Amino acid sequence: MTREREYEALIILRAAGTEPEVAKHAAHVEEQVKKAGGNIASSQPMGRRKLAFRISRQTEGYYHLLRFHAPTERVAELERLFRLNDTIVRFIILSAEEIEASQPRAVVANRADH
């Protein structure tokens, strides 16, 4: 029996290229999630931002936030695919439980009210 969880991934894509090219790369990342057995709940481009420090000679990147549901055993494979993707500068994947546990209780309670 596979257990599905809700995840959130913040992905920084290379800043080289035009907006349509970046959108194409983001769509490719979404396709990787789907191929790994996940379902995209939301996909939110956050725009081009300056990085706090250089990463792989990059000073800027396009931030993209993905919320998705996926089987827990497929997340490691998804991380491997993200590491192999040359357009991804940096990424982090967190489960919804990890996000809620790291936030102050007032913020979590406020979300429950809405």
PDB file of N, CA and C in Angstrom:
ATOM      1  N   MET A   1       0.839  -1.180   0.000  1.00  0.00           N
ATOM      2  CA  MET A   1       0.000   0.000   0.000  1.00  0.00           C
ATOM      3  C   MET A   1       0.883   1.241   0.000  1.00  0.00           C
ATOM      4  N   THR A   2       0.698   2.079  -0.972  1.00  0.00           N
ATOM      5  CA  THR A   2       1.495   3.306  -1.044  1.00  0.00           C
ATOM      6  C   THR A   2       0.766   4.434  -0.338  1.00  0.00           C
ATOM      7  N   ARG A   3       1.536   5.204   0.387  1.00  0.00           N
ATOM      8  CA  ARG A   3       0.973   6.335   1.117  1.00  0.00           C
ATOM      9  C   ARG A   3       1.321   7.617   0.389  1.00  0.00           C
ATOM     10  N   GLU A   4       0.310   8.413   0.115  1.00  0.00           N
ATOM     11  CA  GLU A   4       0.529   9.700  -0.539  1.00  0.00           C
ATOM     12  C   GLU A   4       0.543  10.801   0.496  1.00  0.00           C
ATOM     13  N   ARG A   5       1.414  11.768   0.259  1.00  0.00           N
ATOM     14  CA  ARG A   5       1.509  12.936   1.121  1.00  0.00           C
ATOM     15  C   ARG A   5       1.461  14.191   0.264  1.00  0.00           C
ATOM     16  N   GLU A   6       1.208  15.281   0.940  1.00  0.00           N
ATOM     17  CA  GLU A   6       1.255  16.575   0.270  1.00  0.00           C
ATOM     18  C   GLU A   6       2.661  17.152   0.453  1.00  0.00           C
ATOM     19  N   TYR A   7       3.224  17.660  -0.646  1.00  0.00           N
ATOM     20  CA  TYR A   7       4.571  18.233  -0.628  1.00  0.00           C
ATOM     21  C   TYR A   7       4.557  19.632  -1.213  1.00  0.00           C
ATOM     22  N   GLU A   8       5.590  20.378  -0.854  1.00  0.00           N
ATOM     23  CA  GLU A   8       5.804  21.701  -1.424  1.00  0.00           C
ATOM     24  C   GLU A   8       7.260  21.754  -1.866  1.00  0.00           C
ATOM     25  N   ALA A   9       7.483  22.170  -3.093  1.00  0.00           N
ATOM     26  CA  ALA A   9       8.841  22.266  -3.634  1.00  0.00           C
ATOM     27  C   ALA A   9       9.093  23.698  -4.083  1.00  0.00           C
ATOM     28  N   LEU A  10      10.176  24.265  -3.587  1.00  0.00           N
ATOM     29  CA  LEU A  10      10.626  25.573  -4.062  1.00  0.00           C
ATOM     30  C   LEU A  10      11.817  25.307  -4.962  1.00  0.00           C
ATOM     31  N   ILE A  11      11.701  25.745  -6.207  1.00  0.00           N
ATOM     32  CA  ILE A  11      12.708  25.453  -7.219  1.00  0.00           C
ATOM     33  C   ILE A  11      13.255  26.766  -7.755  1.00  0.00           C
ATOM     34  N   ILE A  12      14.564  26.850  -7.874  1.00  0.00           N
ATOM     35  CA  ILE A  12      15.203  28.017  -8.492  1.00  0.00           C
ATOM     36  C   ILE A  12      15.750  27.565  -9.844  1.00  0.00           C
ATOM     37  N   LEU A  13      15.234  28.165 -10.896  1.00  0.00           N
ATOM     38  CA  LEU A  13      15.668  27.852 -12.256  1.00  0.00           C
ATOM     39  C   LEU A  13      16.695  28.872 -12.726  1.00  0.00           C
ATOM     40  N   ARG A  14      17.562  28.461 -13.637  1.00  0.00           N
ATOM     41  CA  ARG A  14      18.559  29.375 -14.199  1.00  0.00           C
ATOM     42  C   ARG A  14      17.888  30.603 -14.803  1.00  0.00           C
ATOM     43  N   ALA A  15      18.521  31.759 -14.625  1.00  0.00           N
ATOM     44  CA  ALA A  15      17.961  33.020 -15.103  1.00  0.00           C
ATOM     45  C   ALA A  15      18.236  33.247 -16.590  1.00  0.00           C
ATOM     46  N   ALA A  16      19.109  32.453 -17.179  1.00  0.00           N
ATOM     47  CA  ALA A  16      19.413  32.613 -18.608  1.00  0.00           C
ATOM     48  C   ALA A  16      18.191  32.215 -19.426  1.00  0.00           C
ATOM     49  N   GLY A  17      17.815  33.069 -20.344  1.00  0.00           N
ATOM     50  CA  GLY A  17      16.682  32.764 -21.205  1.00  0.00           C
ATOM     51  C   GLY A  17      15.541  33.735 -21.018  1.00  0.00           C
ATOM     52  N   THR A  18      14.553  33.581 -21.881  1.00  0.00           N
ATOM     53  CA  THR A  18      13.393  34.466 -21.857  1.00  0.00           C
ATOM     54  C   THR A  18      12.298  33.854 -20.977  1.00  0.00           C
ATOM     55  N   GLU A  19      11.258  34.635 -20.721  1.00  0.00           N
ATOM     56  CA  GLU A  19      10.128  34.160 -19.905  1.00  0.00           C
ATOM     57  C   GLU A  19       9.499  32.889 -20.481  1.00  0.00           C
ATOM     58  N   PRO A  20       9.245  32.824 -21.810  1.00  0.00           N
ATOM     59  CA  PRO A  20       8.665  31.587 -22.362  1.00  0.00           C
ATOM     60  C   PRO A  20       9.571  30.364 -22.173  1.00  0.00           C
ATOM     61  N   GLU A  21      10.891  30.563 -22.268  1.00  0.00           N
ATOM     62  CA  GLU A  21      11.814  29.445 -22.052  1.00  0.00           C
ATOM     63  C   GLU A  21      11.762  28.970 -20.604  1.00  0.00           C
ATOM     64  N   VAL A  22      11.693  29.916 -19.675  1.00  0.00           N
ATOM     65  CA  VAL A  22      11.612  29.566 -18.263  1.00  0.00           C
ATOM     66  C   VAL A  22      10.298  28.838 -17.987  1.00  0.00           C
ATOM     67  N   ALA A  23       9.210  29.288 -18.593  1.00  0.00           N
ATOM     68  CA  ALA A  23       7.912  28.624 -18.438  1.00  0.00           C
ATOM     69  C   ALA A  23       7.974  27.193 -18.977  1.00  0.00           C
ATOM     70  N   LYS A  24       8.710  27.010 -20.061  1.00  0.00           N
ATOM     71  CA  LYS A  24       8.873  25.673 -20.639  1.00  0.00           C
ATOM     72  C   LYS A  24       9.650  24.763 -19.682  1.00  0.00           C
ATOM     73  N   HIS A  25      10.693  25.312 -19.045  1.00  0.00           N
ATOM     74  CA  HIS A  25      11.469  24.534 -18.082  1.00  0.00           C
ATOM     75  C   HIS A  25      10.627  24.189 -16.855  1.00  0.00           C
ATOM     76  N   ALA A  26       9.800  25.131 -16.403  1.00  0.00           N
ATOM     77  CA  ALA A  26       8.917  24.876 -15.262  1.00  0.00           C
ATOM     78  C   ALA A  26       7.900  23.784 -15.613  1.00  0.00           C
ATOM     79  N   ALA A  27       7.383  23.816 -16.838  1.00  0.00           N
ATOM     80  CA  ALA A  27       6.446  22.778 -17.289  1.00  0.00           C
ATOM     81  C   ALA A  27       7.128  21.412 -17.329  1.00  0.00           C
ATOM     82  N   HIS A  28       8.406  21.399 -17.693  1.00  0.00           N
ATOM     83  CA  HIS A  28       9.167  20.141 -17.709  1.00  0.00           C
ATOM     84  C   HIS A  28       9.310  19.590 -16.287  1.00  0.00           C
ATOM     85  N   VAL A  29       9.551  20.468 -15.326  1.00  0.00           N
ATOM     86  CA  VAL A  29       9.656  20.045 -13.927  1.00  0.00           C
ATOM     87  C   VAL A  29       8.318  19.463 -13.462  1.00  0.00           C
ATOM     88  N   GLU A  30       7.221  20.109 -13.829  1.00  0.00           N
ATOM     89  CA  GLU A  30       5.899  19.606 -13.479  1.00  0.00           C
ATOM     90  C   GLU A  30       5.665  18.230 -14.102  1.00  0.00           C
ATOM     91  N   GLU A  31       6.120  18.060 -15.324  1.00  0.00           N
ATOM     92  CA  GLU A  31       5.978  16.766 -16.008  1.00  0.00           C
ATOM     93  C   GLU A  31       6.767  15.681 -15.272  1.00  0.00           C
ATOM     94  N   GLN A  32       7.943  16.029 -14.744  1.00  0.00           N
ATOM     95  CA  GLN A  32       8.724  15.064 -13.966  1.00  0.00           C
ATOM     96  C   GLN A  32       7.959  14.627 -12.715  1.00  0.00           C
ATOM     97  N   VAL A  33       7.288  15.568 -12.075  1.00  0.00           N
ATOM     98  CA  VAL A  33       6.487  15.238 -10.885  1.00  0.00           C
ATOM     99  C   VAL A  33       5.365  14.279 -11.275  1.00  0.00           C
ATOM    100  N   LYS A  34       4.697  14.547 -12.387  1.00  0.00           N
ATOM    101  CA  LYS A  34       3.604  13.691 -12.836  1.00  0.00           C
ATOM    102  C   LYS A  34       4.094  12.293 -13.202  1.00  0.00           C
ATOM    103  N   LYS A  35       5.250  12.215 -13.862  1.00  0.00           N
ATOM    104  CA  LYS A  35       5.810  10.915 -14.235  1.00  0.00           C
ATOM    105  C   LYS A  35       6.214  10.105 -13.009  1.00  0.00           C
ATOM    106  N   ALA A  36       6.545  10.795 -11.916  1.00  0.00           N
ATOM    107  CA  ALA A  36       6.910  10.117 -10.676  1.00  0.00           C
ATOM    108  C   ALA A  36       5.678   9.685  -9.888  1.00  0.00           C
ATOM    109  N   GLY A  37       4.494   9.919 -10.451  1.00  0.00           N
ATOM    110  CA  GLY A  37       3.267   9.485  -9.804  1.00  0.00           C
ATOM    111  C   GLY A  37       2.595  10.562  -8.978  1.00  0.00           C
ATOM    112  N   GLY A  38       3.021  11.804  -9.140  1.00  0.00           N
ATOM    113  CA  GLY A  38       2.449  12.907  -8.367  1.00  0.00           C
ATOM    114  C   GLY A  38       1.347  13.634  -9.106  1.00  0.00           C
ATOM    115  N   ASN A  39       0.556  14.358  -8.342  1.00  0.00           N
ATOM    116  CA  ASN A  39      -0.500  15.207  -8.893  1.00  0.00           C
ATOM    117  C   ASN A  39      -0.228  16.637  -8.463  1.00  0.00           C
ATOM    118  N   ILE A  40      -0.164  17.552  -9.415  1.00  0.00           N
ATOM    119  CA  ILE A  40       0.113  18.955  -9.123  1.00  0.00           C
ATOM    120  C   ILE A  40      -1.151  19.597  -8.545  1.00  0.00           C
ATOM    121  N   ALA A  41      -1.025  20.152  -7.341  1.00  0.00           N
ATOM    122  CA  ALA A  41      -2.140  20.876  -6.719  1.00  0.00           C
ATOM    123  C   ALA A  41      -2.108  22.340  -7.149  1.00  0.00           C
ATOM    124  N   SER A  42      -0.898  22.930  -7.160  1.00  0.00           N
ATOM    125  CA  SER A  42      -0.757  24.309  -7.639  1.00  0.00           C
ATOM    126  C   SER A  42       0.663  24.543  -8.119  1.00  0.00           C
ATOM    127  N   SER A  43       0.783  25.440  -9.057  1.00  0.00           N
ATOM    128  CA  SER A  43       2.065  25.814  -9.634  1.00  0.00           C
ATOM    129  C   SER A  43       2.109  27.327  -9.684  1.00  0.00           C
ATOM    130  N   GLN A  44       3.057  27.905  -8.971  1.00  0.00           N
ATOM    131  CA  GLN A  44       3.090  29.352  -8.845  1.00  0.00           C
ATOM    132  C   GLN A  44       4.463  29.908  -9.210  1.00  0.00           C
ATOM    133  N   PRO A  45       4.588  30.570 -10.365  1.00  0.00           N
ATOM    134  CA  PRO A  45       5.853  31.238 -10.672  1.00  0.00           C
ATOM    135  C   PRO A  45       6.002  32.469  -9.781  1.00  0.00           C
ATOM    136  N   MET A  46       7.175  32.633  -9.202  1.00  0.00           N
ATOM    137  CA  MET A  46       7.401  33.736  -8.271  1.00  0.00           C
ATOM    138  C   MET A  46       8.299  34.811  -8.861  1.00  0.00           C
ATOM    139  N   GLY A  47       8.741  34.592 -10.096  1.00  0.00           N
ATOM    140  CA  GLY A  47       9.502  35.619 -10.787  1.00  0.00           C
ATOM    141  C   GLY A  47      11.008  35.526 -10.601  1.00  0.00           C
ATOM    142  N   ARG A  48      11.681  36.459 -11.260  1.00  0.00           N
ATOM    143  CA  ARG A  48      13.140  36.527 -11.239  1.00  0.00           C
ATOM    144  C   ARG A  48      13.575  37.298  -9.999  1.00  0.00           C
ATOM    145  N   ARG A  49      14.530  36.721  -9.261  1.00  0.00           N
ATOM    146  CA  ARG A  49      15.016  37.351  -8.038  1.00  0.00           C
ATOM    147  C   ARG A  49      16.528  37.202  -7.942  1.00  0.00           C
ATOM    148  N   LYS A  50      17.111  38.121  -7.224  1.00  0.00           N
ATOM    149  CA  LYS A  50      18.543  38.069  -6.987  1.00  0.00           C
ATOM    150  C   LYS A  50      18.812  37.047  -5.884  1.00  0.00           C
ATOM    151  N   LEU A  51      19.821  36.209  -6.104  1.00  0.00           N
ATOM    152  CA  LEU A  51      20.194  35.210  -5.114  1.00  0.00           C
ATOM    153  C   LEU A  51      21.000  35.854  -3.992  1.00  0.00           C
ATOM    154  N   ALA A  52      20.911  35.311  -2.793  1.00  0.00           N
ATOM    155  CA  ALA A  52      21.646  35.851  -1.645  1.00  0.00           C
ATOM    156  C   ALA A  52      23.155  35.665  -1.833  1.00  0.00           C
ATOM    157  N   PHE A  53      23.539  34.616  -2.536  1.00  0.00           N
ATOM    158  CA  PHE A  53      24.943  34.355  -2.846  1.00  0.00           C
ATOM    159  C   PHE A  53      25.011  33.604  -4.174  1.00  0.00           C
ATOM    160  N   ARG A  54      26.192  33.602  -4.775  1.00  0.00           N
ATOM    161  CA  ARG A  54      26.357  32.934  -6.073  1.00  0.00           C
ATOM    162  C   ARG A  54      26.190  31.428  -5.927  1.00  0.00           C
ATOM    163  N   ILE A  55      25.438  30.864  -6.844  1.00  0.00           N
ATOM    164  CA  ILE A  55      25.265  29.417  -6.905  1.00  0.00           C
ATOM    165  C   ILE A  55      25.579  29.009  -8.336  1.00  0.00           C
ATOM    166  N   SER A  56      26.607  28.213  -8.515  1.00  0.00           N
ATOM    167  CA  SER A  56      27.013  27.757  -9.849  1.00  0.00           C
ATOM    168  C   SER A  56      27.154  28.929 -10.819  1.00  0.00           C
ATOM    169  N   ARG A  57      27.842  29.968 -10.384  1.00  0.00           N
ATOM    170  CA  ARG A  57      28.107  31.188 -11.160  1.00  0.00           C
ATOM    171  C   ARG A  57      26.849  31.986 -11.487  1.00  0.00           C
ATOM    172  N   GLN A  58      25.740  31.692 -10.820  1.00  0.00           N
ATOM    173  CA  GLN A  58      24.488  32.402 -11.046  1.00  0.00           C
ATOM    174  C   GLN A  58      24.279  33.422  -9.929  1.00  0.00           C
ATOM    175  N   THR A  59      23.867  34.624 -10.296  1.00  0.00           N
ATOM    176  CA  THR A  59      23.547  35.646  -9.297  1.00  0.00           C
ATOM    177  C   THR A  59      22.052  35.916  -9.227  1.00  0.00           C
ATOM    178  N   GLU A  60      21.287  35.429 -10.206  1.00  0.00           N
ATOM    179  CA  GLU A  60      19.834  35.561 -10.238  1.00  0.00           C
ATOM    180  C   GLU A  60      19.218  34.237 -10.643  1.00  0.00           C
ATOM    181  N   GLY A  61      17.944  34.086 -10.290  1.00  0.00           N
ATOM    182  CA  GLY A  61      17.236  32.880 -10.672  1.00  0.00           C
ATOM    183  C   GLY A  61      15.742  33.114 -10.686  1.00  0.00           C
ATOM    184  N   TYR A  62      15.034  32.233 -11.391  1.00  0.00           N
ATOM    185  CA  TYR A  62      13.580  32.274 -11.427  1.00  0.00           C
ATOM    186  C   TYR A  62      13.061  31.308 -10.367  1.00  0.00           C
ATOM    187  N   TYR A  63      12.305  31.838  -9.432  1.00  0.00           N
ATOM    188  CA  TYR A  63      11.740  31.027  -8.358  1.00  0.00           C
ATOM    189  C   TYR A  63      10.387  30.476  -8.801  1.00  0.00           C
ATOM    190  N   HIS A  64      10.141  29.222  -8.446  1.00  0.00           N
ATOM    191  CA  HIS A  64       8.893  28.564  -8.806  1.00  0.00           C
ATOM    192  C   HIS A  64       8.457  27.689  -7.633  1.00  0.00           C
ATOM    193  N   LEU A  65       7.215  27.843  -7.192  1.00  0.00           N
ATOM    194  CA  LEU A  65       6.676  27.083  -6.070  1.00  0.00           C
ATOM    195  C   LEU A  65       5.673  26.066  -6.580  1.00  0.00           C
ATOM    196  N   LEU A  66       5.899  24.805  -6.233  1.00  0.00           N
ATOM    197  CA  LEU A  66       4.995  23.715  -6.624  1.00  0.00           C
ATOM    198  C   LEU A  66       4.410  23.075  -5.377  1.00  0.00           C
ATOM    199  N   ARG A  67       3.123  22.862  -5.380  1.00  0.00           N
ATOM    200  CA  ARG A  67       2.468  22.063  -4.346  1.00  0.00           C
ATOM    201  C   ARG A  67       1.911  20.834  -5.058  1.00  0.00           C
ATOM    202  N   PHE A  68       2.220  19.658  -4.514  1.00  0.00           N
ATOM    203  CA  PHE A  68       1.788  18.436  -5.176  1.00  0.00           C
ATOM    204  C   PHE A  68       1.589  17.310  -4.171  1.00  0.00           C
ATOM    205  N   HIS A  69       0.864  16.282  -4.599  1.00  0.00           N
ATOM    206  CA  HIS A  69       0.670  15.058  -3.837  1.00  0.00           C
ATOM    207  C   HIS A  69       1.458  13.977  -4.564  1.00  0.00           C
ATOM    208  N   ALA A  70       2.182  13.162  -3.781  1.00  0.00           N
ATOM    209  CA  ALA A  70       2.969  12.096  -4.392  1.00  0.00           C
ATOM    210  C   ALA A  70       3.169  10.971  -3.383  1.00  0.00           C
ATOM    211  N   PRO A  71       3.381   9.749  -3.881  1.00  0.00           N
ATOM    212  CA  PRO A  71       3.717   8.648  -2.986  1.00  0.00           C
ATOM    213  C   PRO A  71       5.058   8.921  -2.301  1.00  0.00           C
ATOM    214  N   THR A  72       5.148   8.596  -1.019  1.00  0.00           N
ATOM    215  CA  THR A  72       6.349   8.914  -0.246  1.00  0.00           C
ATOM    216  C   THR A  72       7.602   8.251  -0.819  1.00  0.00           C
ATOM    217  N   GLU A  73       7.451   7.050  -1.360  1.00  0.00           N
ATOM    218  CA  GLU A  73       8.639   6.345  -1.872  1.00  0.00           C
ATOM    219  C   GLU A  73       9.149   6.925  -3.190  1.00  0.00           C
ATOM    220  N   ARG A  74       8.398   7.793  -3.833  1.00  0.00           N
ATOM    221  CA  ARG A  74       8.811   8.377  -5.114  1.00  0.00           C
ATOM    222  C   ARG A  74       9.535   9.720  -4.972  1.00  0.00           C
ATOM    223  N   VAL A  75       9.548  10.283  -3.765  1.00  0.00           N
ATOM    224  CA  VAL A  75      10.157  11.601  -3.563  1.00  0.00           C
ATOM    225  C   VAL A  75      11.676  11.537  -3.762  1.00  0.00           C
ATOM    226  N   ALA A  76      12.316  10.466  -3.318  1.00  0.00           N
ATOM    227  CA  ALA A  76      13.767  10.334  -3.511  1.00  0.00           C
ATOM    228  C   ALA A  76      14.112  10.305  -5.002  1.00  0.00           C
ATOM    229  N   GLU A  77      13.307   9.624  -5.799  1.00  0.00           N
ATOM    230  CA  GLU A  77      13.522   9.583  -7.246  1.00  0.00           C
ATOM    231  C   GLU A  77      13.313  10.973  -7.853  1.00  0.00           C
ATOM    232  N   LEU A  78      12.338  11.683  -7.349  1.00  0.00           N
ATOM    233  CA  LEU A  78      12.072  13.040  -7.821  1.00  0.00           C
ATOM    234  C   LEU A  78      13.252  13.964  -7.499  1.00  0.00           C
ATOM    235  N   GLU A  79      13.811  13.839  -6.302  1.00  0.00           N
ATOM    236  CA  GLU A  79      14.991  14.632  -5.935  1.00  0.00           C
ATOM    237  C   GLU A  79      16.170  14.311  -6.852  1.00  0.00           C
ATOM    238  N   ARG A  80      16.338  13.032  -7.182  1.00  0.00           N
ATOM    239  CA  ARG A  80      17.418  12.625  -8.094  1.00  0.00           C
ATOM    240  C   ARG A  80      17.229  13.266  -9.465  1.00  0.00           C
ATOM    241  N   LEU A  81      16.003  13.267  -9.971  1.00  0.00           N
ATOM    242  CA  LEU A  81      15.719  13.888 -11.272  1.00  0.00           C
ATOM    243  C   LEU A  81      15.969  15.390 -11.236  1.00  0.00           C
ATOM    244  N   PHE A  82      15.614  16.036 -10.140  1.00  0.00           N
ATOM    245  CA  PHE A  82      15.854  17.474 -10.010  1.00  0.00           C
ATOM    246  C   PHE A  82      17.350  17.771  -9.995  1.00  0.00           C
ATOM    247  N   ARG A  83      18.137  16.919  -9.314  1.00  0.00           N
ATOM    248  CA  ARG A  83      19.599  17.128  -9.277  1.00  0.00           C
ATOM    249  C   ARG A  83      20.224  16.972 -10.664  1.00  0.00           C
ATOM    250  N   LEU A  84      19.674  16.101 -11.484  1.00  0.00           N
ATOM    251  CA  LEU A  84      20.206  15.867 -12.828  1.00  0.00           C
ATOM    252  C   LEU A  84      19.769  16.922 -13.833  1.00  0.00           C
ATOM    253  N   ASN A  85      18.762  17.695 -13.504  1.00  0.00           N
ATOM    254  CA  ASN A  85      18.229  18.718 -14.399  1.00  0.00           C
ATOM    255  C   ASN A  85      19.147  19.945 -14.375  1.00  0.00           C
ATOM    256  N   ASP A  86      19.755  20.275 -15.521  1.00  0.00           N
ATOM    257  CA  ASP A  86      20.708  21.387 -15.607  1.00  0.00           C
ATOM    258  C   ASP A  86      20.067  22.755 -15.419  1.00  0.00           C
ATOM    259  N   THR A  87      18.771  22.872 -15.653  1.00  0.00           N
ATOM    260  CA  THR A  87      18.121  24.174 -15.521  1.00  0.00           C
ATOM    261  C   THR A  87      17.781  24.513 -14.074  1.00  0.00           C
ATOM    262  N   ILE A  88      17.830  23.527 -13.185  1.00  0.00           N
ATOM    263  CA  ILE A  88      17.537  23.773 -11.774  1.00  0.00           C
ATOM    264  C   ILE A  88      18.831  24.115 -11.047  1.00  0.00           C
ATOM    265  N   VAL A  89      18.871  25.309 -10.469  1.00  0.00           N
ATOM    266  CA  VAL A  89      20.049  25.766  -9.730  1.00  0.00           C
ATOM    267  C   VAL A  89      20.022  25.199  -8.310  1.00  0.00           C
ATOM    268  N   ARG A  90      18.860  25.269  -7.670  1.00  0.00           N
ATOM    269  CA  ARG A  90      18.687  24.791  -6.300  1.00  0.00           C
ATOM    270  C   ARG A  90      17.227  24.430  -6.094  1.00  0.00           C
ATOM    271  N   PHE A  91      16.954  23.510  -5.170  1.00  0.00           N
ATOM    272  CA  PHE A  91      15.574  23.146  -4.866  1.00  0.00           C
ATOM    273  C   PHE A  91      15.490  22.619  -3.442  1.00  0.00           C
ATOM    274  N   ILE A  92      14.284  22.644  -2.917  1.00  0.00           N
ATOM    275  CA  ILE A  92      13.997  22.002  -1.635  1.00  0.00           C
ATOM    276  C   ILE A  92      12.587  21.448  -1.716  1.00  0.00           C
ATOM    277  N   ILE A  93      12.423  20.218  -1.227  1.00  0.00           N
ATOM    278  CA  ILE A  93      11.111  19.581  -1.180  1.00  0.00           C
ATOM    279  C   ILE A  93      10.800  19.288   0.282  1.00  0.00           C
ATOM    280  N   LEU A  94       9.674  19.805   0.747  1.00  0.00           N
ATOM    281  CA  LEU A  94       9.235  19.584   2.118  1.00  0.00           C
ATOM    282  C   LEU A  94       7.832  19.008   2.123  1.00  0.00           C
ATOM    283  N   SER A  95       7.555  18.148   3.110  1.00  0.00           N
ATOM    284  CA  SER A  95       6.182  17.666   3.258  1.00  0.00           C
ATOM    285  C   SER A  95       5.369  18.729   3.977  1.00  0.00           C
ATOM    286  N   ALA A  96       4.064  18.676   3.808  1.00  0.00           N
ATOM    287  CA  ALA A  96       3.189  19.663   4.446  1.00  0.00           C
ATOM    288  C   ALA A  96       3.328  19.613   5.958  1.00  0.00           C
ATOM    289  N   GLU A  97       3.555  18.419   6.527  1.00  0.00           N
ATOM    290  CA  GLU A  97       3.734  18.294   7.977  1.00  0.00           C
ATOM    291  C   GLU A  97       4.991  19.027   8.442  1.00  0.00           C
ATOM    292  N   GLU A  98       6.062  18.951   7.653  1.00  0.00           N
ATOM    293  CA  GLU A  98       7.299  19.657   8.015  1.00  0.00           C
ATOM    294  C   GLU A  98       7.103  21.163   7.989  1.00  0.00           C
ATOM    295  N   ILE A  99       6.331  21.645   7.035  1.00  0.00           N
ATOM    296  CA  ILE A  99       6.088  23.080   6.909  1.00  0.00           C
ATOM    297  C   ILE A  99       5.273  23.573   8.098  1.00  0.00           C
ATOM    298  N   GLU A 100       4.209  22.837   8.442  1.00  0.00           N
ATOM    299  CA  GLU A 100       3.378  23.236   9.574  1.00  0.00           C
ATOM    300  C   GLU A 100       4.142  23.163  10.881  1.00  0.00           C
ATOM    301  N   ALA A 101       5.010  22.159  11.046  1.00  0.00           N
ATOM    302  CA  ALA A 101       5.771  22.014  12.283  1.00  0.00           C
ATOM    303  C   ALA A 101       6.790  23.130  12.459  1.00  0.00           C
ATOM    304  N   SER A 102       7.285  23.696  11.359  1.00  0.00           N
ATOM    305  CA  SER A 102       8.314  24.728  11.446  1.00  0.00           C
ATOM    306  C   SER A 102       7.744  26.125  11.641  1.00  0.00           C
ATOM    307  N   GLN A 103       6.438  26.290  11.454  1.00  0.00           N
ATOM    308  CA  GLN A 103       5.823  27.607  11.580  1.00  0.00           C
ATOM    309  C   GLN A 103       5.344  27.829  13.014  1.00  0.00           C
ATOM    310  N   PRO A 104       5.326  29.083  13.456  1.00  0.00           N
ATOM    311  CA  PRO A 104       4.784  29.378  14.780  1.00  0.00           C
ATOM    312  C   PRO A 104       3.322  28.962  14.871  1.00  0.00           C
ATOM    313  N   ARG A 105       2.889  28.582  16.054  1.00  0.00           N
ATOM    314  CA  ARG A 105       1.523  28.087  16.247  1.00  0.00           C
ATOM    315  C   ARG A 105       0.468  29.109  15.840  1.00  0.00           C
ATOM    316  N   ALA A 106       0.729  30.384  16.028  1.00  0.00           N
ATOM    317  CA  ALA A 106      -0.242  31.422  15.673  1.00  0.00           C
ATOM    318  C   ALA A 106      -0.507  31.431  14.169  1.00  0.00           C
ATOM    319  N   VAL A 107       0.532  31.207  13.374  1.00  0.00           N
ATOM    320  CA  VAL A 107       0.381  31.192  11.916  1.00  0.00           C
ATOM    321  C   VAL A 107      -0.436  29.981  11.497  1.00  0.00           C
ATOM    322  N   VAL A 108      -0.162  28.815  12.095  1.00  0.00           N
ATOM    323  CA  VAL A 108      -0.899  27.598  11.764  1.00  0.00           C
ATOM    324  C   VAL A 108      -2.363  27.754  12.165  1.00  0.00           C
ATOM    325  N   ALA A 109      -2.631  28.324  13.325  1.00  0.00           N
ATOM    326  CA  ALA A 109      -4.007  28.534  13.770  1.00  0.00           C
ATOM    327  C   ALA A 109      -4.725  29.519  12.865  1.00  0.00           C
ATOM    328  N   ASN A 110      -4.017  30.532  12.416  1.00  0.00           N
ATOM    329  CA  ASN A 110      -4.592  31.534  11.524  1.00  0.00           C
ATOM    330  C   ASN A 110      -5.004  30.898  10.195  1.00  0.00           C
ATOM    331  N   ARG A 111      -4.182  29.982   9.683  1.00  0.00           N
ATOM    332  CA  ARG A 111      -4.511  29.289   8.427  1.00  0.00           C
ATOM    333  C   ARG A 111      -5.744  28.424   8.594  1.00  0.00           C
ATOM    334  N   ALA A 112      -5.894  27.796   9.760  1.00  0.00           N
ATOM    335  CA  ALA A 112      -7.033  26.916  10.006  1.00  0.00           C
ATOM    336  C   ALA A 112      -8.333  27.706  10.060  1.00  0.00           C
ATOM    337  N   ASP A 113      -8.273  28.968  10.458  1.00  0.00           N
ATOM    338  CA  ASP A 113      -9.455  29.817  10.535  1.00  0.00           C
ATOM    339  C   ASP A 113     -10.012  30.161   9.163  1.00  0.00           C
ATOM    340  N   HIS A 114      -9.177  30.161   8.139  1.00  0.00           N
ATOM    341  CA  HIS A 114      -9.600  30.595   6.801  1.00  0.00           C
ATOM    342  C   HIS A 114     -10.113  29.472   6.009  1.00  0.00           C
TER     343      HIS A 114
END
